[in-house]
Amino acid sequence: MVQGDRRPVANDGSLPVSQYIIRTRGKVELGSVSCAFCHTRVMPGGKTLKGAQSNFPIQRAVAYGRRANAAAAPDKEAYLAQVRTALRSLHATPWLRPDPESRIDTMSAEDLAAVFEAVPPGTSLRQRGNSFLAIQVPDLIGVKDRRYLDRTGLELHHGIGDFMRYAAMNQGADSLASYAGFIPADSPRFTQLPGPEKFSRYSDEQLYALARYVYSLKPPPNPNKFDSLAARGQKIFERERCGTCHTPPLYTNNKLTPADGFQIPRST
């Protein structure tokens, strides 16, 4: 495995999050943006763990690309405007006063690249977040038994249908929503809902197959032997009643726990 901010490489020398794709005869493409991009981990020694939290420096790679594109752009201001529009389509919340995303209008291309470069592996500046607060990438192993999807805790998970809908939403369906009149899909105006025929998503059959695959993912064997030290830890776990929140065998009680100082609204 390559350490630091470089790409983690599997023990066979491959980059697990990318692969060559041939869709038409004589044309080789490099595929990179996929579910596996954020949910594949290269372990020490180079073993690939599918479905785990990624340790690929995603946003640092974006920063590298942004700097390269800015340097090559014939019109620097036009390129900067393009970057700002893209970030606004992903993260803007104009119904808030002030909009946290408004800061990007005073930032240079280098400033914006530096923001992305500071994001550590395992987190992402994903859509419906903002450009200044990275969200932890969850692992997908064992997700079949979880009652909530996503780190927000807002997506209930009653069964495979909910998972399919969530996958479609993350594929881009949320861009067709209207957030208090802000429509991300209508870039750069953000005011009119474009026709759904301009967009595509996986078929129900593909979404079902994807969900079945994710549900099949199993955790790797525990590399730590259950020895006398682990036995002492078990006694502490039981004495401190850790199982109240981390209930075996899944080691979760499948409940949301508010952070200190957060008051749950009565409406919920």
C-alpha atoms as a PDB file:
ATOM      1  CA  MET A   1       0.000   0.000   0.000  1.00  0.00           C
ATOM      2  CA  VAL A   2       1.258   3.479  -0.823  1.00  0.00           C
ATOM      3  CA  GLN A   3       1.111   5.812   2.172  1.00  0.00           C
ATOM      4  CA  GLY A   4       0.522   9.560   2.402  1.00  0.00           C
ATOM      5  CA  ASP A   5      -1.694  11.345  -0.073  1.00  0.00           C
ATOM      6  CA  ARG A   6      -0.853   9.019  -2.955  1.00  0.00           C
ATOM      7  CA  ARG A   7      -3.223   6.403  -4.292  1.00  0.00           C
ATOM      8  CA  PRO A   8      -3.432   3.108  -2.381  1.00  0.00           C
ATOM      9  CA  VAL A   9      -2.436   0.266  -4.694  1.00  0.00           C
ATOM     10  CA  ALA A  10      -3.479  -3.397  -4.313  1.00  0.00           C
ATOM     11  CA  ASN A  11      -0.874  -6.137  -3.973  1.00  0.00           C
ATOM     12  CA  ASP A  12      -1.243  -7.023  -7.659  1.00  0.00           C
ATOM     13  CA  GLY A  13      -0.260  -3.487  -8.628  1.00  0.00           C
ATOM     14  CA  SER A  14      -3.775  -2.448  -9.659  1.00  0.00           C
ATOM     15  CA  LEU A  15      -5.778   0.590  -8.602  1.00  0.00           C
ATOM     16  CA  PRO A  16      -9.026  -1.028  -7.376  1.00  0.00           C
ATOM     17  CA  VAL A  17     -11.223   2.063  -7.765  1.00  0.00           C
ATOM     18  CA  SER A  18     -10.500   2.421 -11.490  1.00  0.00           C
ATOM     19  CA  GLN A  19     -10.732   0.026 -14.398  1.00  0.00           C
ATOM     20  CA  TYR A  20     -10.511  -0.032 -18.146  1.00  0.00           C
ATOM     21  CA  ILE A  21     -13.843  -0.363 -19.937  1.00  0.00           C
ATOM     22  CA  ILE A  22     -14.531  -1.276 -23.555  1.00  0.00           C
ATOM     23  CA  ARG A  23     -18.031  -0.268 -24.628  1.00  0.00           C
ATOM     24  CA  THR A  24     -17.373   0.076 -28.347  1.00  0.00           C
ATOM     25  CA  ARG A  25     -14.934  -1.806 -30.569  1.00  0.00           C
ATOM     26  CA  GLY A  26     -11.489  -0.235 -30.686  1.00  0.00           C
ATOM     27  CA  LYS A  27     -12.122   2.284 -27.906  1.00  0.00           C
ATOM     28  CA  VAL A  28     -10.712   1.860 -24.400  1.00  0.00           C
ATOM     29  CA  GLU A  29     -12.053   4.093 -21.631  1.00  0.00           C
ATOM     30  CA  LEU A  30     -10.964   4.558 -18.030  1.00  0.00           C
ATOM     31  CA  GLY A  31     -13.846   4.241 -15.595  1.00  0.00           C
ATOM     32  CA  SER A  32     -13.413   5.799 -12.165  1.00  0.00           C
ATOM     33  CA  VAL A  33     -16.571   7.379 -10.741  1.00  0.00           C
ATOM     34  CA  SER A  34     -18.571   4.503  -9.298  1.00  0.00           C
ATOM     35  CA  CYS A  35     -19.925   3.132  -6.019  1.00  0.00           C
ATOM     36  CA  ALA A  36     -16.634   1.272  -5.576  1.00  0.00           C
ATOM     37  CA  PHE A  37     -14.760   4.564  -5.778  1.00  0.00           C
ATOM     38  CA  CYS A  38     -15.893   5.509  -2.252  1.00  0.00           C
ATOM     39  CA  HIS A  39     -16.540   2.013  -0.917  1.00  0.00           C
ATOM     40  CA  THR A  40     -13.347   0.036  -1.608  1.00  0.00           C
ATOM     41  CA  ARG A  41     -10.449  -0.054   0.843  1.00  0.00           C
ATOM     42  CA  VAL A  42      -6.893  -1.240   0.296  1.00  0.00           C
ATOM     43  CA  MET A  43      -5.673  -2.820   3.509  1.00  0.00           C
ATOM     44  CA  PRO A  44      -2.055  -2.905   4.747  1.00  0.00           C
ATOM     45  CA  GLY A  45      -0.310  -5.481   2.619  1.00  0.00           C
ATOM     46  CA  GLY A  46      -2.394  -4.670  -0.444  1.00  0.00           C
ATOM     47  CA  LYS A  47      -5.517  -6.761   0.118  1.00  0.00           C
ATOM     48  CA  THR A  48      -8.703  -5.202  -1.255  1.00  0.00           C
ATOM     49  CA  LEU A  49     -11.753  -5.015   1.003  1.00  0.00           C
ATOM     50  CA  LYS A  50     -14.944  -4.477  -1.020  1.00  0.00           C
ATOM     51  CA  GLY A  51     -17.668  -2.354   0.513  1.00  0.00           C
ATOM     52  CA  ALA A  52     -15.436  -0.863   3.196  1.00  0.00           C
ATOM     53  CA  GLN A  53     -14.792   2.841   3.732  1.00  0.00           C
ATOM     54  CA  SER A  54     -12.459   4.090   1.027  1.00  0.00           C
ATOM     55  CA  ASN A  55      -8.928   5.225   1.832  1.00  0.00           C
ATOM     56  CA  PHE A  56      -8.434   6.665  -1.644  1.00  0.00           C
ATOM     57  CA  PRO A  57      -7.633  10.430  -1.448  1.00  0.00           C
ATOM     58  CA  ILE A  58     -10.636  11.377  -3.601  1.00  0.00           C
ATOM     59  CA  GLN A  59     -10.776  15.104  -2.953  1.00  0.00           C
ATOM     60  CA  ARG A  60      -6.995  15.491  -3.185  1.00  0.00           C
ATOM     61  CA  ALA A  61      -7.183  13.965  -6.644  1.00  0.00           C
ATOM     62  CA  VAL A  62      -9.910  16.498  -7.477  1.00  0.00           C
ATOM     63  CA  ALA A  63      -7.642  19.312  -6.266  1.00  0.00           C
ATOM     64  CA  TYR A  64      -4.848  18.070  -8.527  1.00  0.00           C
ATOM     65  CA  GLY A  65      -7.212  18.042 -11.502  1.00  0.00           C
ATOM     66  CA  ARG A  66      -8.565  21.497 -10.687  1.00  0.00           C
ATOM     67  CA  ARG A  67      -5.079  22.985 -10.585  1.00  0.00           C
ATOM     68  CA  ALA A  68      -4.116  21.325 -13.842  1.00  0.00           C
ATOM     69  CA  ASN A  69      -7.285  22.488 -15.583  1.00  0.00           C
ATOM     70  CA  ALA A  70      -6.915  26.036 -14.252  1.00  0.00           C
ATOM     71  CA  ALA A  71      -3.348  26.221 -15.528  1.00  0.00           C
ATOM     72  CA  ALA A  72      -4.401  24.987 -18.986  1.00  0.00           C
ATOM     73  CA  ALA A  73      -7.586  27.077 -19.291  1.00  0.00           C
ATOM     74  CA  PRO A  74      -7.301  29.821 -21.951  1.00  0.00           C
ATOM     75  CA  ASP A  75      -9.839  31.918 -20.007  1.00  0.00           C
ATOM     76  CA  LYS A  76      -9.040  31.692 -16.298  1.00  0.00           C
ATOM     77  CA  GLU A  77     -12.089  33.642 -15.161  1.00  0.00           C
ATOM     78  CA  ALA A  78     -14.452  31.536 -17.272  1.00  0.00           C
ATOM     79  CA  TYR A  79     -12.975  28.355 -15.795  1.00  0.00           C
ATOM     80  CA  LEU A  80     -13.303  29.733 -12.259  1.00  0.00           C
ATOM     81  CA  ALA A  81     -16.957  30.597 -12.931  1.00  0.00           C
ATOM     82  CA  GLN A  82     -17.504  27.042 -14.183  1.00  0.00           C
ATOM     83  CA  VAL A  83     -16.015  25.586 -10.989  1.00  0.00           C
ATOM     84  CA  ARG A  84     -18.149  27.843  -8.807  1.00  0.00           C
ATOM     85  CA  THR A  85     -21.307  26.858 -10.687  1.00  0.00           C
ATOM     86  CA  ALA A  86     -20.488  23.171 -10.287  1.00  0.00           C
ATOM     87  CA  LEU A  87     -19.960  23.577  -6.545  1.00  0.00           C
ATOM     88  CA  ARG A  88     -23.167  25.577  -6.222  1.00  0.00           C
ATOM     89  CA  SER A  89     -25.152  22.844  -7.987  1.00  0.00           C
ATOM     90  CA  LEU A  90     -23.834  20.328  -5.462  1.00  0.00           C
ATOM     91  CA  HIS A  91     -23.851  22.292  -2.243  1.00  0.00           C
ATOM     92  CA  ALA A  92     -25.732  25.604  -2.381  1.00  0.00           C
ATOM     93  CA  THR A  93     -28.458  26.344   0.191  1.00  0.00           C
ATOM     94  CA  PRO A  94     -29.806  29.747  -0.910  1.00  0.00           C
ATOM     95  CA  TRP A  95     -32.788  29.442   1.443  1.00  0.00           C
ATOM     96  CA  LEU A  96     -30.359  29.933   4.330  1.00  0.00           C
ATOM     97  CA  ARG A  97     -29.208  33.453   5.203  1.00  0.00           C
ATOM     98  CA  PRO A  98     -26.347  33.659   4.638  1.00  0.00           C
ATOM     99  CA  ASP A  99     -25.774  30.733   2.298  1.00  0.00           C
ATOM    100  CA  PRO A 100     -22.655  28.922   3.599  1.00  0.00           C
ATOM    101  CA  GLU A 101     -21.678  28.309  -0.020  1.00  0.00           C
ATOM    102  CA  SER A 102     -21.522  32.035  -0.835  1.00  0.00           C
ATOM    103  CA  ARG A 103     -17.900  32.062   0.323  1.00  0.00           C
ATOM    104  CA  ILE A 104     -16.813  30.507  -2.957  1.00  0.00           C
ATOM    105  CA  ASP A 105     -17.598  33.751  -4.795  1.00  0.00           C
ATOM    106  CA  THR A 106     -14.629  35.438  -3.108  1.00  0.00           C
ATOM    107  CA  MET A 107     -12.211  32.532  -3.526  1.00  0.00           C
ATOM    108  CA  SER A 108      -9.672  31.980  -6.282  1.00  0.00           C
ATOM    109  CA  ALA A 109      -9.178  28.721  -8.176  1.00  0.00           C
ATOM    110  CA  GLU A 110      -6.158  28.011  -5.977  1.00  0.00           C
ATOM    111  CA  ASP A 111      -8.196  28.712  -2.820  1.00  0.00           C
ATOM    112  CA  LEU A 112     -10.848  26.225  -3.925  1.00  0.00           C
ATOM    113  CA  ALA A 113      -8.234  23.615  -4.828  1.00  0.00           C
ATOM    114  CA  ALA A 114      -6.692  24.045  -1.368  1.00  0.00           C
ATOM    115  CA  VAL A 115     -10.091  23.359   0.246  1.00  0.00           C
ATOM    116  CA  PHE A 116     -10.337  20.045  -1.581  1.00  0.00           C
ATOM    117  CA  GLU A 117      -6.714  19.169  -0.899  1.00  0.00           C
ATOM    118  CA  ALA A 118      -7.314  19.477   2.853  1.00  0.00           C
ATOM    119  CA  VAL A 119     -10.022  16.775   2.850  1.00  0.00           C
ATOM    120  CA  PRO A 120      -8.602  13.527   4.286  1.00  0.00           C
ATOM    121  CA  PRO A 121      -9.214  10.082   2.764  1.00  0.00           C
ATOM    122  CA  GLY A 122     -12.342   8.397   4.089  1.00  0.00           C
ATOM    123  CA  THR A 123     -14.380  11.594   3.842  1.00  0.00           C
ATOM    124  CA  SER A 124     -15.982  13.366   0.905  1.00  0.00           C
ATOM    125  CA  LEU A 125     -17.463  16.717  -0.117  1.00  0.00           C
ATOM    126  CA  ARG A 126     -20.497  14.953  -1.485  1.00  0.00           C
ATOM    127  CA  GLN A 127     -23.667  16.437  -2.929  1.00  0.00           C
ATOM    128  CA  ARG A 128     -26.173  18.095  -0.570  1.00  0.00           C
ATOM    129  CA  GLY A 129     -23.395  18.832   1.887  1.00  0.00           C
ATOM    130  CA  ASN A 130     -21.203  21.899   1.469  1.00  0.00           C
ATOM    131  CA  SER A 131     -17.741  22.702   0.188  1.00  0.00           C
ATOM    132  CA  PHE A 132     -16.280  23.266   3.659  1.00  0.00           C
ATOM    133  CA  LEU A 133     -17.538  20.317   5.685  1.00  0.00           C
ATOM    134  CA  ALA A 134     -16.445  16.851   4.614  1.00  0.00           C
ATOM    135  CA  ILE A 135     -18.825  13.980   5.383  1.00  0.00           C
ATOM    136  CA  GLN A 136     -17.514  10.627   6.504  1.00  0.00           C
ATOM    137  CA  VAL A 137     -17.890   7.868   3.916  1.00  0.00           C
ATOM    138  CA  PRO A 138     -19.746   4.928   5.506  1.00  0.00           C
ATOM    139  CA  ASP A 139     -18.817   1.330   4.938  1.00  0.00           C
ATOM    140  CA  LEU A 140     -21.435  -0.866   3.262  1.00  0.00           C
ATOM    141  CA  ILE A 141     -20.568  -4.150   4.948  1.00  0.00           C
ATOM    142  CA  GLY A 142     -23.574  -5.225   7.018  1.00  0.00           C
ATOM    143  CA  VAL A 143     -25.794  -2.434   5.710  1.00  0.00           C
ATOM    144  CA  LYS A 144     -28.609  -4.950   5.214  1.00  0.00           C
ATOM    145  CA  ASP A 145     -29.157  -4.985   8.982  1.00  0.00           C
ATOM    146  CA  ARG A 146     -29.029  -1.218   9.531  1.00  0.00           C
ATOM    147  CA  ARG A 147     -32.196   0.815   9.964  1.00  0.00           C
ATOM    148  CA  TYR A 148     -30.678   4.044   8.637  1.00  0.00           C
ATOM    149  CA  LEU A 149     -28.726   4.819   5.491  1.00  0.00           C
ATOM    150  CA  ASP A 150     -26.209   7.627   5.112  1.00  0.00           C
ATOM    151  CA  ARG A 151     -24.350   9.512   7.848  1.00  0.00           C
ATOM    152  CA  THR A 152     -27.199  11.994   8.199  1.00  0.00           C
ATOM    153  CA  GLY A 153     -29.549   9.449   9.754  1.00  0.00           C
ATOM    154  CA  LEU A 154     -32.375  10.866   7.648  1.00  0.00           C
ATOM    155  CA  GLU A 155     -32.800   7.895   5.307  1.00  0.00           C
ATOM    156  CA  LEU A 156     -34.844   5.105   6.861  1.00  0.00           C
ATOM    157  CA  HIS A 157     -34.015   1.598   5.714  1.00  0.00           C
ATOM    158  CA  HIS A 158     -36.905  -0.836   6.045  1.00  0.00           C
ATOM    159  CA  GLY A 159     -35.827  -3.160   3.245  1.00  0.00           C
ATOM    160  CA  ILE A 160     -34.391  -3.571  -0.200  1.00  0.00           C
ATOM    161  CA  GLY A 161     -36.835  -1.094  -1.782  1.00  0.00           C
ATOM    162  CA  ASP A 162     -35.481   1.718   0.399  1.00  0.00           C
ATOM    163  CA  PHE A 163     -31.921   0.798  -0.545  1.00  0.00           C
ATOM    164  CA  MET A 164     -32.813   0.824  -4.250  1.00  0.00           C
ATOM    165  CA  ARG A 165     -34.397   4.266  -3.961  1.00  0.00           C
ATOM    166  CA  TYR A 166     -31.398   5.571  -2.063  1.00  0.00           C
ATOM    167  CA  ALA A 167     -29.026   4.260  -4.742  1.00  0.00           C
ATOM    168  CA  ALA A 168     -31.090   5.993  -7.445  1.00  0.00           C
ATOM    169  CA  MET A 169     -31.062   9.213  -5.453  1.00  0.00           C
ATOM    170  CA  ASN A 170     -27.282   9.135  -5.135  1.00  0.00           C
ATOM    171  CA  GLN A 171     -26.973   8.411  -8.829  1.00  0.00           C
ATOM    172  CA  GLY A 172     -28.430  11.868  -9.449  1.00  0.00           C
ATOM    173  CA  ALA A 173     -32.171  11.741  -8.814  1.00  0.00           C
ATOM    174  CA  ASP A 174     -31.766  14.264  -5.992  1.00  0.00           C
ATOM    175  CA  SER A 175     -30.654  16.835  -8.583  1.00  0.00           C
ATOM    176  CA  LEU A 176     -34.221  16.802  -9.941  1.00  0.00           C
ATOM    177  CA  ALA A 177     -35.632  17.865  -6.578  1.00  0.00           C
ATOM    178  CA  SER A 178     -36.629  21.398  -5.634  1.00  0.00           C
ATOM    179  CA  TYR A 179     -35.098  22.626  -2.396  1.00  0.00           C
ATOM    180  CA  ALA A 180     -37.254  25.643  -1.498  1.00  0.00           C
ATOM    181  CA  GLY A 181     -37.211  26.602  -5.171  1.00  0.00           C
ATOM    182  CA  PHE A 182     -33.541  25.765  -5.728  1.00  0.00           C
ATOM    183  CA  ILE A 183     -33.281  23.066  -8.438  1.00  0.00           C
ATOM    184  CA  PRO A 184     -29.722  21.707  -8.759  1.00  0.00           C
ATOM    185  CA  ALA A 185     -30.340  20.102 -12.171  1.00  0.00           C
ATOM    186  CA  ASP A 186     -31.058  23.484 -13.779  1.00  0.00           C
ATOM    187  CA  SER A 187     -27.479  24.713 -13.825  1.00  0.00           C
ATOM    188  CA  PRO A 188     -26.625  27.609 -13.881  1.00  0.00           C
ATOM    189  CA  ARG A 189     -30.123  29.135 -13.335  1.00  0.00           C
ATOM    190  CA  PHE A 190     -31.334  26.652 -10.684  1.00  0.00           C
ATOM    191  CA  THR A 191     -34.967  27.773 -11.062  1.00  0.00           C
ATOM    192  CA  GLN A 192     -36.679  25.470 -13.599  1.00  0.00           C
ATOM    193  CA  LEU A 193     -37.140  21.724 -13.422  1.00  0.00           C
ATOM    194  CA  PRO A 194     -35.763  20.185 -16.638  1.00  0.00           C
ATOM    195  CA  GLY A 195     -37.566  17.299 -18.270  1.00  0.00           C
ATOM    196  CA  PRO A 196     -36.708  13.893 -16.778  1.00  0.00           C
ATOM    197  CA  GLU A 197     -36.005  12.613 -20.292  1.00  0.00           C
ATOM    198  CA  LYS A 198     -32.727  14.542 -20.136  1.00  0.00           C
ATOM    199  CA  PHE A 199     -31.495  12.302 -17.346  1.00  0.00           C
ATOM    200  CA  SER A 200     -31.059   8.585 -16.816  1.00  0.00           C
ATOM    201  CA  ARG A 201     -30.836   6.165 -13.935  1.00  0.00           C
ATOM    202  CA  TYR A 202     -30.321   2.488 -13.412  1.00  0.00           C
ATOM    203  CA  SER A 203     -33.302   0.320 -14.225  1.00  0.00           C
ATOM    204  CA  ASP A 204     -35.229  -1.307 -11.397  1.00  0.00           C
ATOM    205  CA  GLU A 205     -33.571  -4.591 -12.334  1.00  0.00           C
ATOM    206  CA  GLN A 206     -30.112  -3.031 -12.067  1.00  0.00           C
ATOM    207  CA  LEU A 207     -30.945  -1.363  -8.760  1.00  0.00           C
ATOM    208  CA  TYR A 208     -32.235  -4.657  -7.385  1.00  0.00           C
ATOM    209  CA  ALA A 209     -29.064  -6.466  -8.504  1.00  0.00           C
ATOM    210  CA  LEU A 210     -26.920  -3.740  -6.940  1.00  0.00           C
ATOM    211  CA  ALA A 211     -28.779  -3.992  -3.635  1.00  0.00           C
ATOM    212  CA  ARG A 212     -28.474  -7.787  -3.587  1.00  0.00           C
ATOM    213  CA  TYR A 213     -24.731  -7.482  -4.172  1.00  0.00           C
ATOM    214  CA  VAL A 214     -24.246  -4.962  -1.376  1.00  0.00           C
ATOM    215  CA  TYR A 215     -26.373  -7.065   0.959  1.00  0.00           C
ATOM    216  CA  SER A 216     -24.088 -10.043   0.247  1.00  0.00           C
ATOM    217  CA  LEU A 217     -20.920  -8.315   1.458  1.00  0.00           C
ATOM    218  CA  LYS A 218     -19.432  -9.973   4.531  1.00  0.00           C
ATOM    219  CA  PRO A 219     -16.851  -8.627   6.992  1.00  0.00           C
ATOM    220  CA  PRO A 220     -13.342 -10.069   6.782  1.00  0.00           C
ATOM    221  CA  PRO A 221     -12.072 -12.442   9.484  1.00  0.00           C
ATOM    222  CA  ASN A 222     -10.893 -10.690  12.636  1.00  0.00           C
ATOM    223  CA  PRO A 223      -7.077 -10.632  12.428  1.00  0.00           C
ATOM    224  CA  ASN A 224      -6.832 -10.395  16.230  1.00  0.00           C
ATOM    225  CA  LYS A 225      -6.926 -13.601  18.239  1.00  0.00           C
ATOM    226  CA  PHE A 226      -9.185 -13.819  21.271  1.00  0.00           C
ATOM    227  CA  ASP A 227      -6.485 -14.015  23.936  1.00  0.00           C
ATOM    228  CA  SER A 228      -6.245 -13.074  27.610  1.00  0.00           C
ATOM    229  CA  LEU A 229      -6.008  -9.377  26.760  1.00  0.00           C
ATOM    230  CA  ALA A 230      -9.174  -9.575  24.640  1.00  0.00           C
ATOM    231  CA  ALA A 231     -10.895 -11.400  27.519  1.00  0.00           C
ATOM    232  CA  ARG A 232     -10.048  -8.476  29.813  1.00  0.00           C
ATOM    233  CA  GLY A 233     -11.516  -6.116  27.221  1.00  0.00           C
ATOM    234  CA  GLN A 234     -14.711  -8.177  27.112  1.00  0.00           C
ATOM    235  CA  LYS A 235     -15.132  -7.778  30.862  1.00  0.00           C
ATOM    236  CA  ILE A 236     -14.720  -4.005  30.551  1.00  0.00           C
ATOM    237  CA  PHE A 237     -17.229  -3.960  27.657  1.00  0.00           C
ATOM    238  CA  GLU A 238     -19.777  -5.799  29.799  1.00  0.00           C
ATOM    239  CA  ARG A 239     -19.044  -3.864  33.003  1.00  0.00           C
ATOM    240  CA  GLU A 240     -19.422  -0.467  31.317  1.00  0.00           C
ATOM    241  CA  ARG A 241     -22.598  -1.628  29.561  1.00  0.00           C
ATOM    242  CA  CYS A 242     -21.205  -0.769  26.136  1.00  0.00           C
ATOM    243  CA  GLY A 243     -23.728  -3.222  24.727  1.00  0.00           C
ATOM    244  CA  THR A 244     -26.514  -0.734  25.456  1.00  0.00           C
ATOM    245  CA  CYS A 245     -25.538   1.156  22.316  1.00  0.00           C
ATOM    246  CA  HIS A 246     -23.298  -1.457  20.677  1.00  0.00           C
ATOM    247  CA  THR A 247     -25.644  -4.417  21.015  1.00  0.00           C
ATOM    248  CA  PRO A 248     -24.315  -7.817  19.855  1.00  0.00           C
ATOM    249  CA  PRO A 249     -24.275  -9.513  17.410  1.00  0.00           C
ATOM    250  CA  LEU A 250     -24.402  -6.452  15.124  1.00  0.00           C
ATOM    251  CA  TYR A 251     -22.896  -4.172  17.787  1.00  0.00           C
ATOM    252  CA  THR A 252     -25.435  -1.450  17.105  1.00  0.00           C
ATOM    253  CA  ASN A 253     -28.811  -0.734  18.668  1.00  0.00           C
ATOM    254  CA  ASN A 254     -29.929   0.781  15.339  1.00  0.00           C
ATOM    255  CA  LYS A 255     -30.960   3.999  17.074  1.00  0.00           C
ATOM    256  CA  LEU A 256     -29.942   7.607  16.533  1.00  0.00           C
ATOM    257  CA  THR A 257     -28.083   9.244  19.416  1.00  0.00           C
ATOM    258  CA  PRO A 258     -28.176  13.062  19.505  1.00  0.00           C
ATOM    259  CA  ALA A 259     -24.870  14.840  19.985  1.00  0.00           C
ATOM    260  CA  ASP A 260     -24.301  16.711  23.236  1.00  0.00           C
ATOM    261  CA  GLY A 261     -26.169  20.001  23.160  1.00  0.00           C
ATOM    262  CA  PHE A 262     -28.529  19.015  20.315  1.00  0.00           C
ATOM    263  CA  GLN A 263     -32.213  19.301  21.114  1.00  0.00           C
ATOM    264  CA  ILE A 264     -34.513  16.971  19.189  1.00  0.00           C
ATOM    265  CA  PRO A 265     -37.372  19.012  17.650  1.00  0.00           C
ATOM    266  CA  ARG A 266     -40.745  18.158  19.126  1.00  0.00           C
ATOM    267  CA  SER A 267     -42.180  17.754  15.632  1.00  0.00           C
ATOM    268  CA  THR A 268     -40.077  14.595  15.174  1.00  0.00           C
END
